[in-house]
Amino acid sequence: MSFDIWITYVLTVLLLMSTPGPSQLLMLSDSATNGLRRGMFTAAGDLTANFLQMLAAGLGLAALIATSGTALAVIKWLGVAYLVYLGVKQILKARVADTKDAPRASCRALWMQGFITSAANPKAVVFFAALFPLFIDGARPFWPQFAILSATYLIIDGMFLTTYGASASWLARRLQGPARLWLDRIGGSFMILAAVLLGFKSLRAAT
């Protein structure tokens, strides 16, 4: 893979990530509530799902997943329902007067939230299967190029998620009392908004 092709790929990925999606909104919510260090488990869950989706694309499973409409719909709507549940739960938890005493989510739960949010969009496999061939040289070995494209995407995605998480955590540390309660409510609303975005994606894919 030439350097010029790689730079073009990087610019393409940056453009694709310029608009926040469900995973970014979830990262904002989790980092604001639990801090950046714990919020990174959410990012790790998201990147794990992305890696598995890339691997499925590389192994030629995209066509199989694309033809399984029922499985796609079930996974997507389970993910939507899960995010709505988490959002409502966080909004209700924000009624607690002292947020310092409110229990924080476990690292495992945060990882699972990130994983499920990303995995709830299984058509990402099809996306990677369509994106990667645009930048792969057929005259060169496939897997080294695939590894470079996958690692680049994960690094850029991780940087975006970390930036979102750091911003939310910085703001949360500076808010106390009623303002912090409102931040928790906004965080819960972000989760519900992420669910709405996933739902719209599912509806658009079905039409």
N, C-alpha and C. Protein backbone atom coordinates (compact mmCIF):
# COMPACT_ATOMS: atom_id res chain seq x y z
N MET A 1 0.85 -1.20 0.00
CA MET A 1 0.00 0.00 0.00
C MET A 1 0.89 1.25 0.00
N SER A 2 0.65 2.13 -0.97
CA SER A 2 1.46 3.35 -1.05
C SER A 2 1.02 4.35 0.01
N PHE A 3 1.93 5.28 0.31
CA PHE A 3 1.64 6.30 1.31
C PHE A 3 0.50 7.20 0.86
N ASP A 4 0.45 7.52 -0.44
CA ASP A 4 -0.62 8.37 -0.97
C ASP A 4 -1.99 7.75 -0.77
N ILE A 5 -2.09 6.45 -1.02
CA ILE A 5 -3.37 5.75 -0.84
C ILE A 5 -3.75 5.74 0.64
N TRP A 6 -2.77 5.54 1.50
CA TRP A 6 -3.04 5.52 2.93
C TRP A 6 -3.54 6.88 3.42
N ILE A 7 -2.91 7.95 2.96
CA ILE A 7 -3.34 9.30 3.34
C ILE A 7 -4.77 9.56 2.87
N THR A 8 -5.07 9.12 1.66
CA THR A 8 -6.44 9.28 1.14
C THR A 8 -7.44 8.52 2.01
N TYR A 9 -7.04 7.34 2.45
CA TYR A 9 -7.89 6.54 3.33
C TYR A 9 -8.11 7.25 4.66
N VAL A 10 -7.04 7.80 5.23
CA VAL A 10 -7.15 8.52 6.51
C VAL A 10 -8.11 9.70 6.37
N LEU A 11 -7.98 10.47 5.31
CA LEU A 11 -8.88 11.61 5.11
C LEU A 11 -10.33 11.15 4.94
N THR A 12 -10.52 10.03 4.26
CA THR A 12 -11.87 9.49 4.07
C THR A 12 -12.48 9.10 5.42
N VAL A 13 -11.70 8.43 6.25
CA VAL A 13 -12.20 8.01 7.57
C VAL A 13 -12.50 9.22 8.44
N LEU A 14 -11.65 10.24 8.39
CA LEU A 14 -11.89 11.46 9.17
C LEU A 14 -13.20 12.12 8.76
N LEU A 15 -13.47 12.14 7.46
CA LEU A 15 -14.73 12.72 6.98
C LEU A 15 -15.92 11.89 7.45
N LEU A 16 -15.77 10.57 7.40
CA LEU A 16 -16.87 9.69 7.81
C LEU A 16 -17.18 9.85 9.30
N MET A 17 -16.18 10.20 10.10
CA MET A 17 -16.36 10.32 11.55
C MET A 17 -16.66 11.74 12.00
N SER A 18 -16.77 12.66 11.07
CA SER A 18 -16.95 14.07 11.44
C SER A 18 -18.28 14.34 12.12
N THR A 19 -19.26 13.47 11.90
CA THR A 19 -20.58 13.62 12.53
C THR A 19 -20.72 12.59 13.65
N PRO A 20 -21.03 13.02 14.89
CA PRO A 20 -21.16 12.07 16.00
C PRO A 20 -22.26 11.04 15.74
N GLY A 21 -21.95 9.80 16.08
CA GLY A 21 -22.94 8.73 15.95
C GLY A 21 -23.29 8.17 17.31
N PRO A 22 -24.01 7.06 17.36
CA PRO A 22 -24.43 6.47 18.64
C PRO A 22 -23.27 6.18 19.59
N SER A 23 -22.17 5.66 19.07
CA SER A 23 -21.04 5.32 19.93
C SER A 23 -20.42 6.56 20.56
N GLN A 24 -20.32 7.64 19.79
CA GLN A 24 -19.75 8.88 20.32
C GLN A 24 -20.66 9.49 21.39
N LEU A 25 -21.96 9.43 21.16
CA LEU A 25 -22.90 9.95 22.16
C LEU A 25 -22.85 9.13 23.44
N LEU A 26 -22.71 7.81 23.30
CA LEU A 26 -22.60 6.96 24.48
C LEU A 26 -21.31 7.28 25.24
N MET A 27 -20.23 7.53 24.51
CA MET A 27 -18.97 7.87 25.15
C MET A 27 -19.09 9.17 25.94
N LEU A 28 -19.79 10.15 25.38
CA LEU A 28 -20.03 11.40 26.09
C LEU A 28 -20.77 11.13 27.41
N SER A 29 -21.81 10.32 27.33
CA SER A 29 -22.62 10.04 28.50
C SER A 29 -21.83 9.29 29.58
N ASP A 30 -21.14 8.22 29.20
CA ASP A 30 -20.44 7.40 30.17
C ASP A 30 -19.27 8.15 30.80
N SER A 31 -18.56 8.95 30.02
CA SER A 31 -17.42 9.68 30.55
C SER A 31 -17.86 10.81 31.48
N ALA A 32 -18.98 11.44 31.16
CA ALA A 32 -19.49 12.50 32.02
C ALA A 32 -19.91 11.95 33.37
N THR A 33 -20.48 10.75 33.37
CA THR A 33 -20.99 10.14 34.60
C THR A 33 -19.91 9.42 35.40
N ASN A 34 -18.98 8.75 34.71
CA ASN A 34 -18.02 7.89 35.38
C ASN A 34 -16.57 8.36 35.29
N GLY A 35 -16.30 9.43 34.54
CA GLY A 35 -14.93 9.89 34.37
C GLY A 35 -14.29 9.27 33.14
N LEU A 36 -13.24 9.93 32.64
CA LEU A 36 -12.60 9.47 31.41
C LEU A 36 -11.96 8.09 31.57
N ARG A 37 -11.28 7.86 32.71
CA ARG A 37 -10.57 6.59 32.87
C ARG A 37 -11.53 5.41 32.77
N ARG A 38 -12.67 5.49 33.41
CA ARG A 38 -13.65 4.40 33.32
C ARG A 38 -14.39 4.45 31.99
N GLY A 39 -14.57 5.66 31.46
CA GLY A 39 -15.23 5.77 30.16
C GLY A 39 -14.44 5.11 29.05
N MET A 40 -13.12 4.95 29.24
CA MET A 40 -12.31 4.30 28.21
C MET A 40 -12.70 2.84 28.03
N PHE A 41 -13.34 2.24 29.04
CA PHE A 41 -13.84 0.87 28.87
C PHE A 41 -14.99 0.85 27.85
N THR A 42 -15.78 1.94 27.82
CA THR A 42 -16.81 2.05 26.79
C THR A 42 -16.17 2.10 25.41
N ALA A 43 -15.11 2.90 25.29
CA ALA A 43 -14.39 2.98 24.01
C ALA A 43 -13.81 1.63 23.63
N ALA A 44 -13.27 0.90 24.63
CA ALA A 44 -12.69 -0.41 24.35
C ALA A 44 -13.75 -1.39 23.84
N GLY A 45 -14.95 -1.33 24.41
CA GLY A 45 -16.02 -2.19 23.93
C GLY A 45 -16.41 -1.88 22.50
N ASP A 46 -16.49 -0.59 22.20
CA ASP A 46 -16.83 -0.16 20.84
C ASP A 46 -15.77 -0.64 19.84
N LEU A 47 -14.51 -0.45 20.18
CA LEU A 47 -13.43 -0.84 19.27
C LEU A 47 -13.34 -2.35 19.12
N THR A 48 -13.66 -3.09 20.18
CA THR A 48 -13.68 -4.56 20.08
C THR A 48 -14.71 -5.02 19.06
N ALA A 49 -15.91 -4.42 19.14
CA ALA A 49 -16.95 -4.77 18.18
C ALA A 49 -16.53 -4.38 16.77
N ASN A 50 -15.91 -3.21 16.61
CA ASN A 50 -15.43 -2.79 15.29
C ASN A 50 -14.40 -3.77 14.74
N PHE A 51 -13.49 -4.22 15.60
CA PHE A 51 -12.47 -5.17 15.16
C PHE A 51 -13.10 -6.47 14.66
N LEU A 52 -14.08 -6.98 15.41
CA LEU A 52 -14.75 -8.22 15.00
C LEU A 52 -15.51 -8.02 13.70
N GLN A 53 -16.11 -6.83 13.52
CA GLN A 53 -16.82 -6.54 12.28
C GLN A 53 -15.85 -6.47 11.10
N MET A 54 -14.68 -5.88 11.32
CA MET A 54 -13.67 -5.84 10.26
C MET A 54 -13.18 -7.24 9.93
N LEU A 55 -12.95 -8.03 10.96
CA LEU A 55 -12.49 -9.39 10.73
C LEU A 55 -13.52 -10.20 9.95
N ALA A 56 -14.81 -10.01 10.29
CA ALA A 56 -15.87 -10.70 9.55
C ALA A 56 -15.87 -10.27 8.09
N ALA A 57 -15.64 -8.97 7.87
CA ALA A 57 -15.59 -8.48 6.49
C ALA A 57 -14.41 -9.09 5.75
N GLY A 58 -13.26 -9.16 6.43
CA GLY A 58 -12.08 -9.71 5.80
C GLY A 58 -12.21 -11.19 5.50
N LEU A 59 -12.98 -11.90 6.30
CA LEU A 59 -13.16 -13.34 6.09
C LEU A 59 -14.28 -13.65 5.10
N GLY A 60 -14.89 -12.61 4.55
CA GLY A 60 -15.91 -12.82 3.53
C GLY A 60 -17.28 -13.13 4.07
N LEU A 61 -17.56 -12.70 5.33
CA LEU A 61 -18.87 -12.98 5.92
C LEU A 61 -19.89 -11.89 5.64
N ALA A 62 -19.48 -10.82 4.97
CA ALA A 62 -20.38 -9.70 4.74
C ALA A 62 -21.63 -10.12 3.97
N ALA A 63 -21.43 -10.93 2.92
CA ALA A 63 -22.56 -11.35 2.10
C ALA A 63 -23.55 -12.18 2.92
N LEU A 64 -23.03 -13.04 3.80
CA LEU A 64 -23.90 -13.88 4.62
C LEU A 64 -24.73 -13.03 5.57
N ILE A 65 -24.10 -12.04 6.23
CA ILE A 65 -24.80 -11.19 7.18
C ILE A 65 -25.81 -10.30 6.46
N ALA A 66 -25.43 -9.83 5.27
CA ALA A 66 -26.31 -8.94 4.52
C ALA A 66 -27.60 -9.64 4.11
N THR A 67 -27.56 -10.95 3.91
CA THR A 67 -28.75 -11.68 3.47
C THR A 67 -29.60 -12.14 4.65
N SER A 68 -29.10 -11.97 5.86
CA SER A 68 -29.85 -12.41 7.04
C SER A 68 -30.63 -11.23 7.61
N GLY A 69 -31.70 -10.86 6.92
CA GLY A 69 -32.48 -9.69 7.32
C GLY A 69 -33.09 -9.81 8.69
N THR A 70 -33.61 -10.97 9.03
CA THR A 70 -34.25 -11.15 10.33
C THR A 70 -33.24 -11.00 11.46
N ALA A 71 -32.07 -11.62 11.32
CA ALA A 71 -31.04 -11.52 12.35
C ALA A 71 -30.59 -10.08 12.52
N LEU A 72 -30.43 -9.37 11.40
CA LEU A 72 -30.05 -7.96 11.47
C LEU A 72 -31.06 -7.16 12.27
N ALA A 73 -32.33 -7.35 11.96
CA ALA A 73 -33.38 -6.58 12.62
C ALA A 73 -33.43 -6.86 14.12
N VAL A 74 -33.31 -8.13 14.48
CA VAL A 74 -33.36 -8.49 15.90
C VAL A 74 -32.21 -7.85 16.67
N ILE A 75 -30.99 -7.97 16.14
CA ILE A 75 -29.81 -7.41 16.81
C ILE A 75 -29.92 -5.90 16.94
N LYS A 76 -30.36 -5.25 15.87
CA LYS A 76 -30.47 -3.79 15.90
C LYS A 76 -31.47 -3.32 16.95
N TRP A 77 -32.66 -3.91 16.95
CA TRP A 77 -33.70 -3.42 17.85
C TRP A 77 -33.43 -3.80 19.30
N LEU A 78 -32.71 -4.89 19.54
CA LEU A 78 -32.27 -5.20 20.90
C LEU A 78 -31.29 -4.14 21.38
N GLY A 79 -30.40 -3.71 20.49
CA GLY A 79 -29.48 -2.64 20.85
C GLY A 79 -30.19 -1.33 21.13
N VAL A 80 -31.20 -1.02 20.33
CA VAL A 80 -31.99 0.20 20.55
C VAL A 80 -32.68 0.16 21.91
N ALA A 81 -33.31 -0.97 22.20
CA ALA A 81 -34.02 -1.10 23.48
C ALA A 81 -33.06 -1.00 24.66
N TYR A 82 -31.88 -1.58 24.51
CA TYR A 82 -30.89 -1.55 25.59
C TYR A 82 -30.44 -0.12 25.89
N LEU A 83 -30.20 0.66 24.85
CA LEU A 83 -29.77 2.04 25.05
C LEU A 83 -30.87 2.89 25.67
N VAL A 84 -32.11 2.68 25.24
CA VAL A 84 -33.23 3.42 25.84
C VAL A 84 -33.32 3.10 27.32
N TYR A 85 -33.17 1.82 27.66
CA TYR A 85 -33.21 1.41 29.07
C TYR A 85 -32.11 2.10 29.88
N LEU A 86 -30.90 2.12 29.35
CA LEU A 86 -29.79 2.76 30.05
C LEU A 86 -30.02 4.26 30.22
N GLY A 87 -30.54 4.90 29.15
CA GLY A 87 -30.79 6.33 29.22
C GLY A 87 -31.82 6.70 30.26
N VAL A 88 -32.93 5.98 30.26
CA VAL A 88 -33.99 6.23 31.24
C VAL A 88 -33.47 5.97 32.65
N LYS A 89 -32.70 4.91 32.82
CA LYS A 89 -32.14 4.58 34.14
C LYS A 89 -31.25 5.70 34.65
N GLN A 90 -30.43 6.27 33.77
CA GLN A 90 -29.53 7.35 34.20
C GLN A 90 -30.30 8.62 34.53
N ILE A 91 -31.32 8.92 33.75
CA ILE A 91 -32.13 10.11 34.03
C ILE A 91 -32.82 9.98 35.39
N LEU A 92 -33.34 8.81 35.69
CA LEU A 92 -33.99 8.59 36.98
C LEU A 92 -32.98 8.64 38.12
N LYS A 93 -31.77 8.13 37.88
CA LYS A 93 -30.73 8.16 38.90
C LYS A 93 -30.32 9.59 39.23
N ALA A 94 -30.47 10.49 38.27
CA ALA A 94 -30.07 11.88 38.47
C ALA A 94 -30.96 12.61 39.47
N ARG A 95 -32.02 11.95 39.97
CA ARG A 95 -32.84 12.56 41.01
C ARG A 95 -32.14 12.55 42.36
N VAL A 96 -31.10 11.73 42.47
CA VAL A 96 -30.36 11.66 43.73
C VAL A 96 -29.72 13.01 44.00
N ALA A 97 -29.88 13.51 45.23
CA ALA A 97 -29.40 14.86 45.54
C ALA A 97 -27.88 14.95 45.48
N ASP A 98 -27.18 13.95 45.98
CA ASP A 98 -25.72 13.99 46.01
C ASP A 98 -25.18 12.95 45.04
N THR A 99 -24.72 13.37 43.89
CA THR A 99 -24.26 12.43 42.87
C THR A 99 -22.96 11.73 43.28
N LYS A 100 -22.24 12.29 44.27
CA LYS A 100 -21.02 11.62 44.69
C LYS A 100 -21.31 10.27 45.33
N ASP A 101 -22.49 10.14 45.93
CA ASP A 101 -22.86 8.89 46.59
C ASP A 101 -23.52 7.90 45.64
N ALA A 102 -23.83 8.35 44.42
CA ALA A 102 -24.49 7.47 43.46
C ALA A 102 -23.51 6.43 42.95
N PRO A 103 -23.90 5.16 42.88
CA PRO A 103 -22.97 4.13 42.41
C PRO A 103 -22.62 4.32 40.95
N ARG A 104 -21.33 4.07 40.62
CA ARG A 104 -20.89 4.17 39.24
C ARG A 104 -20.98 2.81 38.57
N ALA A 105 -21.10 2.84 37.26
CA ALA A 105 -21.18 1.59 36.51
C ALA A 105 -19.85 0.86 36.60
N SER A 106 -19.90 -0.47 36.60
CA SER A 106 -18.67 -1.26 36.64
C SER A 106 -17.95 -1.15 35.30
N CYS A 107 -16.66 -1.45 35.31
CA CYS A 107 -15.88 -1.41 34.07
C CYS A 107 -16.43 -2.41 33.06
N ARG A 108 -16.87 -3.56 33.56
CA ARG A 108 -17.44 -4.58 32.67
C ARG A 108 -18.72 -4.07 32.02
N ALA A 109 -19.56 -3.39 32.82
CA ALA A 109 -20.82 -2.86 32.28
C ALA A 109 -20.54 -1.79 31.23
N LEU A 110 -19.55 -0.95 31.47
CA LEU A 110 -19.21 0.10 30.51
C LEU A 110 -18.69 -0.51 29.21
N TRP A 111 -17.84 -1.54 29.34
CA TRP A 111 -17.34 -2.22 28.14
C TRP A 111 -18.50 -2.83 27.35
N MET A 112 -19.43 -3.44 28.06
CA MET A 112 -20.56 -4.08 27.40
C MET A 112 -21.44 -3.06 26.70
N GLN A 113 -21.62 -1.89 27.32
CA GLN A 113 -22.42 -0.84 26.69
C GLN A 113 -21.79 -0.43 25.36
N GLY A 114 -20.47 -0.21 25.37
CA GLY A 114 -19.79 0.17 24.13
C GLY A 114 -19.86 -0.92 23.08
N PHE A 115 -19.69 -2.17 23.52
CA PHE A 115 -19.71 -3.29 22.57
C PHE A 115 -21.08 -3.44 21.93
N ILE A 116 -22.13 -3.44 22.77
CA ILE A 116 -23.48 -3.65 22.25
C ILE A 116 -23.90 -2.51 21.32
N THR A 117 -23.54 -1.28 21.68
CA THR A 117 -23.91 -0.15 20.84
C THR A 117 -23.32 -0.27 19.45
N SER A 118 -22.05 -0.68 19.38
CA SER A 118 -21.41 -0.84 18.08
C SER A 118 -21.90 -2.10 17.37
N ALA A 119 -22.05 -3.20 18.11
CA ALA A 119 -22.49 -4.46 17.51
C ALA A 119 -23.94 -4.40 17.06
N ALA A 120 -24.72 -3.44 17.59
CA ALA A 120 -26.12 -3.32 17.19
C ALA A 120 -26.26 -2.82 15.77
N ASN A 121 -25.15 -2.46 15.16
CA ASN A 121 -25.16 -2.06 13.75
C ASN A 121 -24.35 -3.07 12.95
N PRO A 122 -24.86 -4.31 12.81
CA PRO A 122 -24.08 -5.36 12.14
C PRO A 122 -23.82 -5.08 10.67
N LYS A 123 -24.54 -4.15 10.08
CA LYS A 123 -24.25 -3.81 8.69
C LYS A 123 -22.93 -3.07 8.56
N ALA A 124 -22.29 -2.77 9.71
CA ALA A 124 -20.94 -2.22 9.67
C ALA A 124 -20.01 -3.20 8.96
N VAL A 125 -20.31 -4.49 9.06
CA VAL A 125 -19.51 -5.49 8.35
C VAL A 125 -19.56 -5.22 6.85
N VAL A 126 -20.76 -4.95 6.36
CA VAL A 126 -20.93 -4.64 4.94
C VAL A 126 -20.21 -3.34 4.60
N PHE A 127 -20.28 -2.37 5.51
CA PHE A 127 -19.59 -1.09 5.30
C PHE A 127 -18.08 -1.31 5.13
N PHE A 128 -17.48 -2.08 6.04
CA PHE A 128 -16.05 -2.32 5.94
C PHE A 128 -15.72 -3.13 4.69
N ALA A 129 -16.59 -4.07 4.34
CA ALA A 129 -16.36 -4.88 3.14
C ALA A 129 -16.43 -4.03 1.89
N ALA A 130 -17.20 -2.94 1.93
CA ALA A 130 -17.28 -2.04 0.77
C ALA A 130 -16.18 -0.99 0.78
N LEU A 131 -15.78 -0.56 1.98
CA LEU A 131 -14.78 0.51 2.09
C LEU A 131 -13.37 0.03 1.80
N PHE A 132 -12.96 -1.06 2.40
CA PHE A 132 -11.58 -1.50 2.31
C PHE A 132 -11.10 -1.78 0.88
N PRO A 133 -11.92 -2.46 0.05
CA PRO A 133 -11.44 -2.75 -1.31
C PRO A 133 -11.08 -1.50 -2.13
N LEU A 134 -11.65 -0.35 -1.75
CA LEU A 134 -11.33 0.89 -2.47
C LEU A 134 -9.86 1.29 -2.31
N PHE A 135 -9.23 0.78 -1.27
CA PHE A 135 -7.86 1.19 -0.96
C PHE A 135 -6.87 0.02 -0.96
N ILE A 136 -7.31 -1.13 -1.41
CA ILE A 136 -6.45 -2.32 -1.44
C ILE A 136 -5.94 -2.56 -2.85
N ASP A 137 -4.64 -2.76 -2.96
CA ASP A 137 -3.99 -3.06 -4.24
C ASP A 137 -4.05 -4.56 -4.48
N GLY A 138 -4.77 -4.95 -5.54
CA GLY A 138 -4.95 -6.37 -5.83
C GLY A 138 -3.66 -7.08 -6.19
N ALA A 139 -2.63 -6.31 -6.56
CA ALA A 139 -1.36 -6.93 -6.94
C ALA A 139 -0.49 -7.23 -5.72
N ARG A 140 -0.91 -6.80 -4.55
CA ARG A 140 -0.13 -7.01 -3.33
C ARG A 140 -0.89 -7.94 -2.38
N PRO A 141 -0.19 -8.54 -1.42
CA PRO A 141 -0.86 -9.44 -0.46
C PRO A 141 -2.00 -8.73 0.26
N PHE A 142 -3.12 -9.45 0.42
CA PHE A 142 -4.33 -8.84 0.98
C PHE A 142 -4.21 -8.54 2.46
N TRP A 143 -3.80 -9.52 3.28
CA TRP A 143 -3.90 -9.39 4.72
C TRP A 143 -3.02 -8.30 5.32
N PRO A 144 -1.79 -8.07 4.83
CA PRO A 144 -1.02 -6.93 5.37
C PRO A 144 -1.72 -5.59 5.12
N GLN A 145 -2.31 -5.43 3.94
CA GLN A 145 -3.04 -4.20 3.65
C GLN A 145 -4.29 -4.08 4.51
N PHE A 146 -4.97 -5.20 4.67
CA PHE A 146 -6.17 -5.23 5.51
C PHE A 146 -5.82 -4.85 6.96
N ALA A 147 -4.69 -5.36 7.45
CA ALA A 147 -4.27 -5.06 8.81
C ALA A 147 -3.98 -3.57 8.98
N ILE A 148 -3.35 -2.96 7.98
CA ILE A 148 -3.03 -1.53 8.04
C ILE A 148 -4.32 -0.70 8.05
N LEU A 149 -5.26 -1.04 7.17
CA LEU A 149 -6.53 -0.30 7.11
C LEU A 149 -7.31 -0.45 8.41
N SER A 150 -7.34 -1.66 8.95
CA SER A 150 -8.09 -1.92 10.19
C SER A 150 -7.47 -1.17 11.36
N ALA A 151 -6.14 -1.27 11.51
CA ALA A 151 -5.46 -0.60 12.62
C ALA A 151 -5.63 0.91 12.52
N THR A 152 -5.54 1.45 11.31
CA THR A 152 -5.70 2.89 11.12
C THR A 152 -7.09 3.34 11.54
N TYR A 153 -8.10 2.59 11.13
CA TYR A 153 -9.47 2.95 11.48
C TYR A 153 -9.67 2.91 13.00
N LEU A 154 -9.18 1.86 13.64
CA LEU A 154 -9.35 1.72 15.08
C LEU A 154 -8.63 2.83 15.85
N ILE A 155 -7.44 3.21 15.38
CA ILE A 155 -6.69 4.29 16.05
C ILE A 155 -7.43 5.62 15.92
N ILE A 156 -7.92 5.92 14.72
CA ILE A 156 -8.64 7.18 14.51
C ILE A 156 -9.93 7.19 15.33
N ASP A 157 -10.65 6.08 15.30
CA ASP A 157 -11.89 5.98 16.07
C ASP A 157 -11.60 6.14 17.56
N GLY A 158 -10.53 5.50 18.02
CA GLY A 158 -10.15 5.62 19.43
C GLY A 158 -9.81 7.05 19.81
N MET A 159 -9.15 7.78 18.91
CA MET A 159 -8.81 9.18 19.17
C MET A 159 -10.07 10.03 19.26
N PHE A 160 -11.02 9.79 18.38
CA PHE A 160 -12.27 10.53 18.42
C PHE A 160 -13.01 10.26 19.73
N LEU A 161 -13.11 8.97 20.10
CA LEU A 161 -13.81 8.61 21.32
C LEU A 161 -13.13 9.21 22.55
N THR A 162 -11.81 9.19 22.57
CA THR A 162 -11.07 9.75 23.70
C THR A 162 -11.30 11.25 23.81
N THR A 163 -11.35 11.93 22.67
CA THR A 163 -11.59 13.37 22.68
C THR A 163 -12.97 13.68 23.22
N TYR A 164 -13.96 12.93 22.76
CA TYR A 164 -15.33 13.12 23.28
C TYR A 164 -15.37 12.86 24.79
N GLY A 165 -14.74 11.75 25.20
CA GLY A 165 -14.76 11.39 26.60
C GLY A 165 -14.04 12.39 27.48
N ALA A 166 -12.89 12.89 27.02
CA ALA A 166 -12.12 13.86 27.80
C ALA A 166 -12.90 15.16 27.96
N SER A 167 -13.58 15.58 26.91
CA SER A 167 -14.37 16.82 26.98
C SER A 167 -15.51 16.67 27.98
N ALA A 168 -16.20 15.54 27.92
CA ALA A 168 -17.33 15.32 28.84
C ALA A 168 -16.85 15.20 30.28
N SER A 169 -15.73 14.50 30.49
CA SER A 169 -15.19 14.34 31.84
C SER A 169 -14.72 15.67 32.42
N TRP A 170 -14.08 16.49 31.58
CA TRP A 170 -13.59 17.80 32.02
C TRP A 170 -14.76 18.67 32.47
N LEU A 171 -15.84 18.66 31.71
CA LEU A 171 -17.01 19.46 32.06
C LEU A 171 -17.65 18.95 33.35
N ALA A 172 -17.73 17.60 33.48
CA ALA A 172 -18.38 17.02 34.66
C ALA A 172 -17.64 17.38 35.94
N ARG A 173 -16.30 17.43 35.89
CA ARG A 173 -15.52 17.74 37.08
C ARG A 173 -15.73 19.17 37.56
N ARG A 174 -16.21 20.03 36.69
CA ARG A 174 -16.37 21.43 37.03
C ARG A 174 -17.81 21.80 37.38
N LEU A 175 -18.67 20.82 37.34
CA LEU A 175 -20.06 21.06 37.68
C LEU A 175 -20.41 20.36 38.99
N GLN A 176 -21.12 21.04 39.84
CA GLN A 176 -21.52 20.47 41.13
C GLN A 176 -23.01 20.74 41.37
N GLY A 177 -23.58 20.03 42.34
CA GLY A 177 -24.95 20.29 42.75
C GLY A 177 -25.96 20.11 41.62
N PRO A 178 -26.92 21.05 41.53
CA PRO A 178 -27.98 20.94 40.51
C PRO A 178 -27.43 20.88 39.09
N ALA A 179 -26.31 21.60 38.84
CA ALA A 179 -25.74 21.58 37.49
C ALA A 179 -25.27 20.18 37.13
N ARG A 180 -24.69 19.47 38.11
CA ARG A 180 -24.22 18.11 37.85
C ARG A 180 -25.40 17.17 37.61
N LEU A 181 -26.48 17.39 38.35
CA LEU A 181 -27.67 16.57 38.13
C LEU A 181 -28.19 16.74 36.71
N TRP A 182 -28.17 17.98 36.24
CA TRP A 182 -28.62 18.23 34.88
C TRP A 182 -27.68 17.59 33.86
N LEU A 183 -26.38 17.56 34.17
CA LEU A 183 -25.44 16.90 33.28
C LEU A 183 -25.75 15.42 33.17
N ASP A 184 -26.10 14.79 34.31
CA ASP A 184 -26.47 13.37 34.28
C ASP A 184 -27.73 13.16 33.45
N ARG A 185 -28.68 14.08 33.59
CA ARG A 185 -29.90 13.96 32.79
C ARG A 185 -29.59 14.09 31.30
N ILE A 186 -28.70 15.03 30.98
CA ILE A 186 -28.31 15.21 29.58
C ILE A 186 -27.59 13.97 29.08
N GLY A 187 -26.75 13.38 29.95
CA GLY A 187 -26.06 12.15 29.57
C GLY A 187 -27.04 11.03 29.27
N GLY A 188 -28.06 10.89 30.10
CA GLY A 188 -29.09 9.89 29.83
C GLY A 188 -29.83 10.17 28.53
N SER A 189 -30.04 11.46 28.27
CA SER A 189 -30.71 11.84 27.03
C SER A 189 -29.85 11.49 25.82
N PHE A 190 -28.51 11.61 25.97
CA PHE A 190 -27.61 11.23 24.88
C PHE A 190 -27.75 9.75 24.56
N MET A 191 -27.89 8.92 25.59
CA MET A 191 -28.08 7.49 25.35
C MET A 191 -29.36 7.23 24.56
N ILE A 192 -30.43 7.92 24.96
CA ILE A 192 -31.70 7.75 24.25
C ILE A 192 -31.57 8.25 22.81
N LEU A 193 -30.84 9.37 22.63
CA LEU A 193 -30.62 9.89 21.28
C LEU A 193 -29.83 8.91 20.45
N ALA A 194 -28.83 8.25 21.07
CA ALA A 194 -28.08 7.22 20.35
C ALA A 194 -29.00 6.09 19.90
N ALA A 195 -29.94 5.71 20.76
CA ALA A 195 -30.91 4.67 20.40
C ALA A 195 -31.79 5.12 19.24
N VAL A 196 -32.19 6.39 19.27
CA VAL A 196 -33.01 6.92 18.18
C VAL A 196 -32.25 6.88 16.86
N LEU A 197 -30.96 7.25 16.91
CA LEU A 197 -30.15 7.21 15.69
C LEU A 197 -30.03 5.80 15.15
N LEU A 198 -29.81 4.83 16.05
CA LEU A 198 -29.76 3.43 15.61
C LEU A 198 -31.09 2.99 15.01
N GLY A 199 -32.18 3.45 15.64
CA GLY A 199 -33.51 3.10 15.13
C GLY A 199 -33.74 3.65 13.74
N PHE A 200 -33.35 4.91 13.53
CA PHE A 200 -33.52 5.52 12.21
C PHE A 200 -32.69 4.79 11.16
N LYS A 201 -31.47 4.40 11.55
CA LYS A 201 -30.63 3.65 10.61
C LYS A 201 -31.31 2.33 10.23
N SER A 202 -31.91 1.69 11.21
CA SER A 202 -32.59 0.42 10.94
C SER A 202 -33.78 0.61 10.01
N LEU A 203 -34.56 1.68 10.26
CA LEU A 203 -35.72 1.94 9.42
C LEU A 203 -35.33 2.30 8.00
N ARG A 204 -34.26 3.10 7.86
CA ARG A 204 -33.81 3.48 6.52
C ARG A 204 -33.28 2.27 5.76
N ALA A 205 -32.61 1.37 6.48
CA ALA A 205 -32.08 0.17 5.83
C ALA A 205 -33.21 -0.76 5.38
N ALA A 206 -34.34 -0.70 6.10
CA ALA A 206 -35.46 -1.59 5.78
C ALA A 206 -36.27 -1.10 4.60
N THR A 207 -36.16 0.20 4.26
CA THR A 207 -36.96 0.77 3.16
C THR A 207 -36.18 0.77 1.86
